[in-house]
């Protein structure tokens, strides 16, 4: 656990002190690495015979959990978006009306 925290702190410090054009494209690299990790996770899950054999038992539960997680994420993302981007009253418009 400390190794994960150590590397996170090193990354934050590197981003803070080396804030230049080199790090502007880092989001693309992160996206590609996440895709690679998901691919490797899928390969590992697909090669696990015990997991594949028990899909019939856990299939509907996994489907319901997935739908709930996605629906919750979409709902709270939308609520956060609405809270951040709500229209603020314009002072000039309010002053002209009064």
N, C-alpha and C. Protein backbone atom coordinates (compact mmCIF):
# COMPACT_ATOMS: atom_id res chain seq x y z
N UNK A 1 0.82 -1.19 0.00
CA UNK A 1 0.00 0.00 0.00
C UNK A 1 0.87 1.26 0.00
N UNK A 2 1.95 1.21 0.76
CA UNK A 2 2.83 2.37 0.81
C UNK A 2 3.52 2.62 -0.52
N UNK A 3 3.73 1.57 -1.28
CA UNK A 3 4.36 1.72 -2.60
C UNK A 3 3.44 2.51 -3.52
N UNK A 4 2.13 2.21 -3.48
CA UNK A 4 1.16 2.91 -4.30
C UNK A 4 1.12 4.39 -3.91
N UNK A 5 1.06 4.66 -2.62
CA UNK A 5 1.04 6.05 -2.16
C UNK A 5 2.33 6.77 -2.53
N UNK A 6 3.47 6.08 -2.39
CA UNK A 6 4.76 6.67 -2.75
C UNK A 6 4.78 7.09 -4.22
N UNK A 7 4.36 6.20 -5.11
CA UNK A 7 4.37 6.54 -6.53
C UNK A 7 3.36 7.63 -6.87
N UNK A 8 2.25 7.67 -6.17
CA UNK A 8 1.27 8.74 -6.38
C UNK A 8 1.86 10.09 -5.98
N UNK A 9 2.53 10.13 -4.84
CA UNK A 9 3.16 11.38 -4.38
C UNK A 9 4.26 11.80 -5.35
N UNK A 10 5.07 10.86 -5.81
CA UNK A 10 6.12 11.18 -6.79
C UNK A 10 5.50 11.74 -8.06
N UNK A 11 4.40 11.16 -8.51
CA UNK A 11 3.73 11.65 -9.71
C UNK A 11 3.18 13.06 -9.53
N UNK A 12 2.60 13.33 -8.36
CA UNK A 12 2.07 14.67 -8.09
C UNK A 12 3.21 15.69 -8.07
N UNK A 13 4.32 15.35 -7.42
CA UNK A 13 5.46 16.26 -7.37
C UNK A 13 6.06 16.49 -8.76
N UNK A 14 6.15 15.43 -9.55
CA UNK A 14 6.68 15.57 -10.91
C UNK A 14 5.77 16.46 -11.74
N UNK A 15 4.46 16.28 -11.62
CA UNK A 15 3.52 17.12 -12.35
C UNK A 15 3.58 18.57 -11.91
N UNK A 16 3.83 18.79 -10.63
CA UNK A 16 3.89 20.16 -10.10
C UNK A 16 5.16 20.87 -10.56
N UNK A 17 6.30 20.19 -10.44
CA UNK A 17 7.57 20.85 -10.75
C UNK A 17 7.92 20.82 -12.24
N UNK A 18 7.43 19.84 -12.96
CA UNK A 18 7.77 19.71 -14.38
C UNK A 18 6.58 20.07 -15.26
N UNK A 19 5.79 21.02 -14.84
CA UNK A 19 4.59 21.42 -15.58
C UNK A 19 5.00 22.12 -16.88
N UNK A 20 5.13 21.35 -17.92
CA UNK A 20 5.49 21.91 -19.22
C UNK A 20 4.77 21.16 -20.33
N UNK A 21 5.17 21.41 -21.56
CA UNK A 21 4.49 20.82 -22.72
C UNK A 21 4.63 19.30 -22.77
N UNK A 22 5.61 18.75 -22.10
CA UNK A 22 5.79 17.31 -22.08
C UNK A 22 4.57 16.62 -21.47
N UNK A 23 3.98 17.24 -20.47
CA UNK A 23 2.86 16.63 -19.77
C UNK A 23 1.50 16.99 -20.37
N UNK A 24 1.45 17.79 -21.41
CA UNK A 24 0.19 18.16 -22.02
C UNK A 24 -0.50 16.98 -22.70
N UNK A 25 0.25 16.01 -23.17
CA UNK A 25 -0.31 14.85 -23.87
C UNK A 25 -0.44 13.63 -22.95
N UNK A 26 -0.26 13.83 -21.66
CA UNK A 26 -0.27 12.70 -20.73
C UNK A 26 -1.64 12.02 -20.67
N UNK A 27 -2.72 12.75 -20.90
CA UNK A 27 -4.05 12.14 -20.84
C UNK A 27 -4.22 11.07 -21.93
N UNK A 28 -3.60 11.27 -23.08
CA UNK A 28 -3.67 10.27 -24.16
C UNK A 28 -2.94 9.01 -23.73
N UNK A 29 -1.78 9.18 -23.12
CA UNK A 29 -1.00 8.03 -22.65
C UNK A 29 -1.77 7.28 -21.57
N UNK A 30 -2.38 8.01 -20.65
CA UNK A 30 -3.16 7.38 -19.58
C UNK A 30 -4.33 6.59 -20.16
N UNK A 31 -5.02 7.16 -21.14
CA UNK A 31 -6.15 6.47 -21.76
C UNK A 31 -5.71 5.17 -22.42
N UNK A 32 -4.62 5.21 -23.15
CA UNK A 32 -4.12 4.00 -23.82
C UNK A 32 -3.71 2.95 -22.78
N UNK A 33 -3.07 3.37 -21.70
CA UNK A 33 -2.66 2.42 -20.67
C UNK A 33 -3.88 1.81 -19.97
N UNK A 34 -4.93 2.58 -19.76
CA UNK A 34 -6.15 2.03 -19.16
C UNK A 34 -6.78 1.00 -20.09
N UNK A 35 -6.80 1.28 -21.39
CA UNK A 35 -7.32 0.30 -22.35
C UNK A 35 -6.51 -0.99 -22.30
N UNK A 36 -5.18 -0.84 -22.21
CA UNK A 36 -4.30 -2.01 -22.14
C UNK A 36 -4.57 -2.81 -20.87
N UNK A 37 -4.74 -2.12 -19.74
CA UNK A 37 -5.05 -2.82 -18.49
C UNK A 37 -6.39 -3.54 -18.56
N UNK A 38 -7.38 -2.92 -19.18
CA UNK A 38 -8.69 -3.58 -19.33
C UNK A 38 -8.58 -4.81 -20.23
N UNK A 39 -7.79 -4.72 -21.29
CA UNK A 39 -7.58 -5.87 -22.16
C UNK A 39 -6.93 -7.01 -21.39
N UNK A 40 -5.89 -6.70 -20.62
CA UNK A 40 -5.21 -7.74 -19.85
C UNK A 40 -6.12 -8.33 -18.77
N UNK A 41 -6.96 -7.51 -18.17
CA UNK A 41 -7.92 -8.00 -17.19
C UNK A 41 -8.91 -8.96 -17.85
N UNK A 42 -9.38 -8.61 -19.05
CA UNK A 42 -10.29 -9.48 -19.79
C UNK A 42 -9.64 -10.80 -20.17
N UNK A 43 -8.39 -10.75 -20.57
CA UNK A 43 -7.66 -11.98 -20.91
C UNK A 43 -7.52 -12.87 -19.69
N UNK A 44 -7.18 -12.25 -18.56
CA UNK A 44 -7.03 -13.03 -17.33
C UNK A 44 -8.36 -13.63 -16.89
N UNK A 45 -9.44 -12.86 -16.96
CA UNK A 45 -10.75 -13.38 -16.57
C UNK A 45 -11.20 -14.48 -17.53
N UNK A 46 -10.94 -14.30 -18.81
CA UNK A 46 -11.33 -15.31 -19.78
C UNK A 46 -10.56 -16.61 -19.66
N UNK A 47 -9.35 -16.56 -19.13
CA UNK A 47 -8.55 -17.77 -18.98
C UNK A 47 -8.80 -18.48 -17.65
N UNK A 48 -9.61 -17.88 -16.78
CA UNK A 48 -9.93 -18.49 -15.50
C UNK A 48 -11.11 -19.44 -15.68
N UNK A 49 -10.84 -20.72 -15.71
CA UNK A 49 -11.87 -21.74 -15.97
C UNK A 49 -12.94 -21.74 -14.88
N UNK A 50 -12.55 -21.54 -13.64
CA UNK A 50 -13.53 -21.54 -12.54
C UNK A 50 -14.51 -20.39 -12.70
N UNK A 51 -14.01 -19.23 -13.08
CA UNK A 51 -14.88 -18.07 -13.30
C UNK A 51 -15.82 -18.30 -14.48
N UNK A 52 -15.29 -18.83 -15.56
CA UNK A 52 -16.11 -19.08 -16.75
C UNK A 52 -17.20 -20.11 -16.44
N UNK A 53 -16.86 -21.15 -15.68
CA UNK A 53 -17.85 -22.19 -15.34
C UNK A 53 -18.93 -21.67 -14.41
N UNK A 54 -18.66 -20.64 -13.61
CA UNK A 54 -19.66 -20.14 -12.66
C UNK A 54 -20.42 -18.93 -13.19
N UNK A 55 -20.24 -18.59 -14.46
CA UNK A 55 -20.96 -17.44 -15.02
C UNK A 55 -22.47 -17.60 -14.97
N UNK A 56 -22.94 -18.83 -15.11
CA UNK A 56 -24.38 -19.09 -15.05
C UNK A 56 -24.96 -18.74 -13.68
N UNK A 57 -24.19 -18.94 -12.64
CA UNK A 57 -24.64 -18.66 -11.28
C UNK A 57 -24.58 -17.17 -10.95
N UNK A 58 -23.51 -16.53 -11.38
CA UNK A 58 -23.31 -15.12 -11.01
C UNK A 58 -23.70 -14.15 -12.11
N UNK A 59 -24.16 -14.66 -13.23
CA UNK A 59 -24.45 -13.81 -14.39
C UNK A 59 -25.48 -12.74 -14.13
N UNK A 60 -26.65 -13.10 -13.60
CA UNK A 60 -27.72 -12.13 -13.39
C UNK A 60 -27.35 -11.14 -12.30
N UNK A 61 -26.68 -11.63 -11.24
CA UNK A 61 -26.24 -10.73 -10.18
C UNK A 61 -25.23 -9.72 -10.71
N UNK A 62 -24.29 -10.19 -11.50
CA UNK A 62 -23.29 -9.30 -12.07
C UNK A 62 -23.93 -8.28 -13.01
N UNK A 63 -24.92 -8.71 -13.78
CA UNK A 63 -25.62 -7.82 -14.69
C UNK A 63 -26.36 -6.73 -13.92
N UNK A 64 -27.07 -7.11 -12.85
CA UNK A 64 -27.80 -6.14 -12.05
C UNK A 64 -26.87 -5.15 -11.35
N UNK A 65 -25.76 -5.63 -10.84
CA UNK A 65 -24.78 -4.75 -10.19
C UNK A 65 -24.20 -3.78 -11.21
N UNK A 66 -23.90 -4.27 -12.40
CA UNK A 66 -23.35 -3.41 -13.45
C UNK A 66 -24.34 -2.33 -13.86
N UNK A 67 -25.59 -2.71 -14.07
CA UNK A 67 -26.62 -1.73 -14.45
C UNK A 67 -26.79 -0.69 -13.35
N UNK A 68 -26.82 -1.13 -12.10
CA UNK A 68 -26.94 -0.19 -10.99
C UNK A 68 -25.76 0.76 -10.89
N UNK A 69 -24.56 0.24 -11.08
CA UNK A 69 -23.37 1.08 -11.01
C UNK A 69 -23.35 2.11 -12.12
N UNK A 70 -23.69 1.70 -13.33
CA UNK A 70 -23.70 2.62 -14.46
C UNK A 70 -24.79 3.67 -14.27
N UNK A 71 -25.98 3.24 -13.86
CA UNK A 71 -27.08 4.19 -13.65
C UNK A 71 -26.73 5.19 -12.55
N UNK A 72 -26.14 4.72 -11.46
CA UNK A 72 -25.74 5.62 -10.39
C UNK A 72 -24.67 6.60 -10.82
N UNK A 73 -23.71 6.14 -11.59
CA UNK A 73 -22.66 7.02 -12.09
C UNK A 73 -23.22 8.09 -13.01
N UNK A 74 -24.11 7.69 -13.90
CA UNK A 74 -24.73 8.66 -14.82
C UNK A 74 -25.57 9.67 -14.04
N UNK A 75 -26.36 9.20 -13.09
CA UNK A 75 -27.22 10.08 -12.32
C UNK A 75 -26.41 11.11 -11.53
N UNK A 76 -25.41 10.65 -10.79
CA UNK A 76 -24.64 11.58 -9.97
C UNK A 76 -23.74 12.47 -10.81
N UNK A 77 -23.27 12.00 -11.96
CA UNK A 77 -22.51 12.86 -12.86
C UNK A 77 -23.39 13.98 -13.39
N UNK A 78 -24.62 13.63 -13.75
CA UNK A 78 -25.57 14.63 -14.25
C UNK A 78 -25.90 15.65 -13.16
N UNK A 79 -26.15 15.17 -11.93
CA UNK A 79 -26.44 16.08 -10.83
C UNK A 79 -25.27 17.01 -10.53
N UNK A 80 -24.05 16.48 -10.58
CA UNK A 80 -22.87 17.31 -10.36
C UNK A 80 -22.73 18.33 -11.47
N UNK A 81 -22.97 17.92 -12.71
CA UNK A 81 -22.90 18.84 -13.85
C UNK A 81 -23.90 19.98 -13.68
N UNK A 82 -25.11 19.64 -13.28
CA UNK A 82 -26.14 20.66 -13.07
C UNK A 82 -25.76 21.59 -11.92
N UNK A 83 -25.17 21.06 -10.87
CA UNK A 83 -24.78 21.89 -9.72
C UNK A 83 -23.64 22.84 -10.08
N UNK A 84 -22.71 22.37 -10.88
CA UNK A 84 -21.56 23.20 -11.26
C UNK A 84 -21.96 24.26 -12.27
N UNK A 85 -22.82 23.92 -13.22
CA UNK A 85 -23.14 24.81 -14.32
C UNK A 85 -24.51 25.48 -14.19
N UNK A 86 -25.01 25.60 -12.98
CA UNK A 86 -26.30 26.27 -12.84
C UNK A 86 -26.14 27.75 -13.16
N UNK A 87 -27.19 28.32 -13.68
CA UNK A 87 -27.15 29.72 -14.13
C UNK A 87 -27.13 30.64 -12.93
N UNK A 88 -26.17 31.55 -12.92
CA UNK A 88 -26.07 32.51 -11.84
C UNK A 88 -26.80 33.79 -12.25
N UNK A 89 -27.53 34.41 -11.33
CA UNK A 89 -28.24 35.64 -11.70
C UNK A 89 -27.26 36.76 -12.03
N UNK A 90 -27.58 37.45 -13.08
CA UNK A 90 -26.73 38.55 -13.52
C UNK A 90 -27.06 39.79 -12.68
N UNK A 91 -26.03 40.40 -12.08
CA UNK A 91 -26.25 41.56 -11.21
C UNK A 91 -26.84 42.73 -11.98
N UNK A 92 -26.40 42.93 -13.21
CA UNK A 92 -26.89 44.06 -14.01
C UNK A 92 -28.38 43.87 -14.32
N UNK A 93 -28.76 42.64 -14.63
CA UNK A 93 -30.16 42.37 -14.96
C UNK A 93 -31.04 42.58 -13.72
N UNK A 94 -30.58 42.15 -12.57
CA UNK A 94 -31.33 42.33 -11.34
C UNK A 94 -31.43 43.80 -10.98
N UNK A 95 -30.36 44.58 -11.17
CA UNK A 95 -30.35 46.01 -10.83
C UNK A 95 -31.31 46.78 -11.74
N UNK A 96 -31.42 46.41 -13.00
CA UNK A 96 -32.30 47.09 -13.93
C UNK A 96 -33.78 46.82 -13.62
N UNK A 97 -34.07 45.66 -13.09
CA UNK A 97 -35.45 45.32 -12.79
C UNK A 97 -35.96 46.04 -11.54
N UNK A 98 -35.07 46.38 -10.62
CA UNK A 98 -35.46 46.97 -9.34
C UNK A 98 -35.53 48.41 -9.38
